[in-house]
Amino acid sequence: YCFGGPLPGPYTRITPTLPGREALDQLRAADDVVNRTLIKYDLTTKLSQVPVVSFPVDLSRSDEHPGCPTTKRSIAIRTFITNDFMTGVPAEPGTDYMPLAVLEEMVEGIQKVTDISRVVYDLTSKPPGTTEWE
């Protein structure tokens, strides 16, 4: 699920990204927002895993300005509930595992991080997905 309104696409704006200070600080800031929010609402023990993932796609605009470089990245939140890490399900928004108000607070906080294009919420179960984000 993608927050921030309609996505007319196609989206081909890829941000050149290396594991340098800027990209890692941005990811750390987004991860901090998610973890502080989970702690605030006492959700850390209900969820088995919550990777916060940075991916180098600028979803804030389509190719209306081809060739114009971008510096924005998007952030994925992947909640995961499991007993054995062999199978599992996402924490569906609007449930006790992920109340809508909590998710909205996370998204609003992440959107304040510099150069974040969009926030997405991964609803993939395992299988077919993995416990991480690939």
Protein backbone atom coordinates (compact mmCIF):
# COMPACT_ATOMS: atom_id res chain seq x y z
CA TYR A 1 0.00 0.00 0.00
CA CYS A 2 1.39 3.44 -0.93
CA PHE A 3 0.61 6.58 1.11
CA GLY A 4 0.39 10.04 -0.41
CA GLY A 5 -2.38 9.98 -3.00
CA PRO A 6 -2.70 8.55 -6.50
CA LEU A 7 0.36 7.32 -8.37
CA PRO A 8 -0.24 7.97 -12.07
CA GLY A 9 3.11 6.43 -13.10
CA PRO A 10 4.99 5.02 -14.78
CA TYR A 11 7.75 5.58 -12.26
CA THR A 12 11.22 5.22 -13.65
CA ARG A 13 13.01 7.83 -11.55
CA ILE A 14 15.75 5.90 -9.81
CA THR A 15 17.96 7.71 -7.29
CA PRO A 16 21.61 6.69 -7.56
CA THR A 17 22.33 5.27 -4.11
CA LEU A 18 25.46 3.98 -2.44
CA PRO A 19 25.73 2.94 1.22
CA GLY A 20 27.10 6.33 2.23
CA ARG A 21 26.36 8.65 5.13
CA GLU A 22 23.43 10.47 3.47
CA ALA A 23 21.49 7.33 2.52
CA LEU A 24 22.20 5.57 5.81
CA ASP A 25 21.32 8.62 7.94
CA GLN A 26 18.04 8.90 6.04
CA LEU A 27 17.25 5.23 6.69
CA ARG A 28 18.27 5.53 10.36
CA ALA A 29 15.93 8.52 10.77
CA ALA A 30 12.99 6.62 9.24
CA ASP A 31 13.78 3.54 11.33
CA ASP A 32 13.90 5.69 14.46
CA VAL A 33 10.43 7.10 13.72
CA VAL A 34 8.99 3.59 13.32
CA ASN A 35 10.66 2.16 16.41
CA ARG A 36 9.78 5.10 18.67
CA THR A 37 6.16 4.85 17.53
CA LEU A 38 6.03 1.10 18.14
CA ILE A 39 7.48 1.59 21.63
CA LYS A 40 5.10 4.48 22.37
CA TYR A 41 2.08 2.27 21.63
CA ASP A 42 3.55 -0.90 23.18
CA LEU A 43 3.50 -2.85 19.91
CA THR A 44 7.05 -4.20 19.95
CA THR A 45 6.03 -7.48 21.60
CA LYS A 46 3.02 -8.02 19.33
CA LEU A 47 5.10 -7.88 16.14
CA SER A 48 7.79 -10.42 15.35
CA GLN A 49 9.78 -8.19 13.02
CA VAL A 50 9.48 -4.73 11.46
CA PRO A 51 12.14 -4.03 8.85
CA VAL A 52 12.23 -0.45 7.60
CA VAL A 53 13.59 -0.46 4.06
CA SER A 54 14.93 2.34 1.89
CA PHE A 55 14.54 1.84 -1.84
CA PRO A 56 15.88 4.23 -4.49
CA VAL A 57 12.67 5.09 -6.33
CA ASP A 58 11.28 8.62 -6.44
CA LEU A 59 7.53 8.09 -6.38
CA SER A 60 6.73 11.77 -5.90
CA ARG A 61 6.43 12.39 -9.63
CA SER A 62 6.41 10.51 -12.87
CA ASP A 63 8.68 11.22 -15.82
CA GLU A 64 7.23 14.66 -16.47
CA HIS A 65 10.81 15.98 -16.46
CA PRO A 66 12.87 13.27 -18.16
CA GLY A 67 16.57 13.47 -17.58
CA CYS A 68 16.14 15.64 -14.47
CA PRO A 69 18.10 13.97 -11.64
CA THR A 70 16.40 13.11 -8.38
CA THR A 71 17.71 12.65 -4.85
CA LYS A 72 14.58 11.22 -3.26
CA ARG A 73 14.07 7.68 -2.00
CA SER A 74 11.02 5.82 -0.72
CA ILE A 75 10.60 3.92 2.54
CA ALA A 76 8.86 0.58 3.04
CA ILE A 77 7.50 -0.63 6.38
CA ARG A 78 7.16 -4.41 6.56
CA THR A 79 5.45 -5.70 9.68
CA PHE A 80 5.60 -9.43 10.20
CA ILE A 81 3.79 -11.74 12.63
CA THR A 82 5.04 -15.32 13.01
CA ASN A 83 5.71 -18.08 15.49
CA ASP A 84 8.47 -19.83 13.56
CA PHE A 85 9.71 -17.45 10.80
CA MET A 86 8.90 -20.18 8.26
CA THR A 87 5.45 -18.70 7.58
CA GLY A 88 3.85 -15.47 8.63
CA VAL A 89 1.46 -12.66 7.89
CA PRO A 90 1.67 -8.87 7.85
CA ALA A 91 0.06 -6.79 10.60
CA GLU A 92 -3.00 -5.55 8.75
CA PRO A 93 -3.78 -1.86 9.27
CA GLY A 94 -6.76 -1.28 11.51
CA THR A 95 -6.13 -4.31 13.75
CA ASP A 96 -4.76 -4.58 17.29
CA TYR A 97 -1.39 -5.38 15.73
CA MET A 98 -1.31 -2.13 13.69
CA PRO A 99 -3.97 0.45 14.62
CA LEU A 100 -4.57 2.99 11.84
CA ALA A 101 -3.65 5.92 14.09
CA VAL A 102 -0.26 4.32 14.84
CA LEU A 103 0.46 3.67 11.17
CA GLU A 104 -0.57 7.22 10.25
CA GLU A 105 1.76 8.61 12.94
CA MET A 106 4.63 6.56 11.50
CA VAL A 107 3.93 7.73 7.96
CA GLU A 108 3.67 11.39 9.00
CA GLY A 109 6.94 11.14 10.91
CA ILE A 110 8.78 9.45 8.04
CA GLN A 111 7.50 12.01 5.55
CA LYS A 112 9.28 14.70 7.60
CA VAL A 113 12.65 13.04 6.92
CA THR A 114 14.57 14.93 4.24
CA ASP A 115 14.23 13.64 0.67
CA ILE A 116 11.64 10.94 1.35
CA SER A 117 9.42 10.55 -1.67
CA ARG A 118 6.75 8.15 -0.42
CA VAL A 119 6.07 5.64 2.32
CA VAL A 120 4.76 2.21 1.42
CA TYR A 121 3.35 -0.50 3.68
CA ASP A 122 4.14 -4.06 2.60
CA LEU A 123 1.20 -6.46 3.00
CA THR A 124 2.97 -9.56 1.67
CA SER A 125 2.66 -12.80 3.63
CA LYS A 126 5.26 -15.56 3.77
CA PRO A 127 5.10 -17.46 1.55
CA PRO A 128 5.34 -16.12 -1.12
CA GLY A 129 7.47 -13.32 0.40
CA THR A 130 10.41 -13.58 2.76
CA THR A 131 10.62 -12.37 6.36
CA GLU A 132 12.81 -9.52 5.14
CA TRP A 133 12.23 -7.31 2.11
CA GLU A 134 13.64 -8.22 -1.28
